[in-house]
Protein backbone atom coordinates (compact mmCIF):
# COMPACT_ATOMS: atom_id res chain seq x y z
CA VAL A 1 20.83 -14.50 -20.61
CA ARG A 2 18.66 -12.99 -23.28
CA ARG A 3 18.39 -14.97 -26.46
CA PRO A 4 17.28 -13.50 -29.74
CA TYR A 5 14.09 -14.90 -31.16
CA ARG A 6 13.96 -15.20 -34.92
CA ARG A 7 10.63 -14.33 -36.37
CA SER A 8 9.42 -15.40 -39.77
CA ARG A 9 7.25 -12.32 -40.28
CA PRO A 10 7.78 -8.62 -39.65
CA PRO A 11 6.42 -7.32 -36.34
CA VAL A 12 2.72 -6.49 -36.32
CA ALA A 13 1.09 -3.96 -34.03
CA LYS A 14 -0.83 -5.74 -31.27
CA SER A 15 -4.04 -3.95 -32.15
CA SER A 16 -3.99 -5.30 -35.71
CA ARG A 17 -3.12 -8.91 -34.81
CA ILE A 18 -5.67 -11.65 -35.12
CA LEU A 19 -5.27 -13.61 -31.92
CA ARG A 20 -6.20 -17.26 -31.54
CA ASP A 21 -8.87 -18.06 -28.98
CA PRO A 22 -6.91 -19.38 -25.95
CA ARG A 23 -9.81 -21.55 -24.77
CA GLU A 24 -8.93 -24.23 -27.35
CA PHE A 25 -5.37 -24.40 -25.96
CA CYS A 26 -6.78 -24.60 -22.42
CA ARG A 27 -9.15 -27.45 -23.27
CA ASP A 28 -6.31 -29.42 -24.86
CA ARG A 29 -4.01 -28.86 -21.85
CA LEU A 30 -6.79 -29.84 -19.42
CA ARG A 31 -7.24 -33.14 -21.26
CA GLU A 32 -3.50 -33.79 -21.01
CA LEU A 33 -3.44 -32.80 -17.36
CA LYS A 34 -6.39 -35.04 -16.49
CA SER A 35 -4.53 -38.13 -17.70
CA ALA A 36 -1.09 -37.06 -16.43
CA ASP A 37 -1.70 -35.64 -12.94
CA ALA A 38 -5.06 -35.88 -11.15
CA SER A 39 -4.02 -33.48 -8.38
CA ALA A 40 -2.86 -30.78 -10.81
CA TYR A 41 -6.02 -31.31 -12.88
CA SER A 42 -8.13 -30.78 -9.77
CA GLU A 43 -6.20 -27.58 -8.97
CA ALA A 44 -6.80 -26.29 -12.50
CA VAL A 45 -10.54 -27.06 -12.35
CA VAL A 46 -10.92 -25.34 -8.96
CA TYR A 47 -9.14 -22.24 -10.32
CA TYR A 48 -11.41 -22.29 -13.38
CA LYS A 49 -14.61 -22.55 -11.31
CA ASP A 50 -13.65 -20.33 -8.37
CA CYS A 51 -11.51 -17.64 -10.00
CA LEU A 52 -11.39 -17.51 -13.79
CA ILE A 53 -15.08 -17.66 -14.68
CA PRO A 54 -16.36 -15.51 -11.77
CA GLU A 55 -13.75 -12.79 -12.47
CA ILE A 56 -14.57 -12.71 -16.19
CA ALA A 57 -18.33 -12.70 -15.49
CA ALA A 58 -17.93 -9.85 -13.00
CA GLY A 59 -15.95 -7.82 -15.52
CA SER A 60 -13.04 -7.44 -13.12
CA VAL A 61 -10.50 -8.80 -15.64
CA GLU A 62 -10.02 -8.52 -19.39
CA PRO A 63 -11.20 -11.91 -20.74
CA LEU A 64 -8.40 -12.54 -23.25
CA GLU A 65 -5.73 -11.74 -20.66
CA ALA A 66 -7.46 -13.95 -18.05
CA TRP A 67 -7.70 -16.91 -20.44
CA THR A 68 -4.11 -16.43 -21.55
CA GLU A 69 -2.94 -16.41 -17.93
CA TYR A 70 -4.97 -19.58 -17.26
CA GLY A 71 -3.30 -21.22 -20.25
CA ARG A 72 0.09 -20.24 -18.85
CA MET A 73 -0.87 -21.78 -15.50
CA LEU A 74 -1.91 -25.01 -17.22
CA ALA A 75 1.35 -25.17 -19.15
CA GLU A 76 3.33 -24.74 -15.91
CA LEU A 77 1.34 -27.55 -14.27
CA LEU A 78 2.14 -29.84 -17.21
CA ALA A 79 5.84 -29.22 -17.74
CA PRO A 80 8.86 -27.64 -16.09
CA GLY A 81 10.11 -24.39 -17.47
CA ARG A 82 9.57 -20.69 -17.29
CA THR A 83 7.31 -18.31 -19.12
CA VAL A 84 8.94 -15.54 -21.12
CA SER A 85 7.73 -12.62 -23.18
CA ILE A 86 9.32 -11.81 -26.51
CA ASP A 87 9.83 -8.10 -27.16
CA THR A 88 9.70 -6.35 -30.54
CA THR A 89 13.44 -6.85 -31.02
CA GLY A 90 13.10 -10.61 -30.55
CA LEU A 91 14.64 -10.78 -27.06
CA ALA A 92 13.13 -12.93 -24.34
CA HIS A 93 12.32 -11.41 -20.94
CA PRO A 94 10.76 -12.91 -17.79
CA HIS A 95 6.97 -12.91 -18.13
CA GLU A 96 5.07 -10.39 -16.02
CA SER A 97 1.37 -11.00 -15.41
């Protein structure tokens, strides 16, 4: 079921958006995860060390997309739910990496 998403501002072209640095979100989620679930925290740290940073350093992924995906992974480790993307009409769709 697609649900409309009400936006408070008119749509803005992606290229002209000022995006927030996702690393701040990731640090906050890691702190939460560390106190909530040691096993999930360990999984997140291993991914960070073995995948995220090496892939960004090698230039094999776009950094903002890689950090955003890591943030999504952290959110899934912290809470049940599903990730969605909101299209320009305000409808939610399953997230595709």
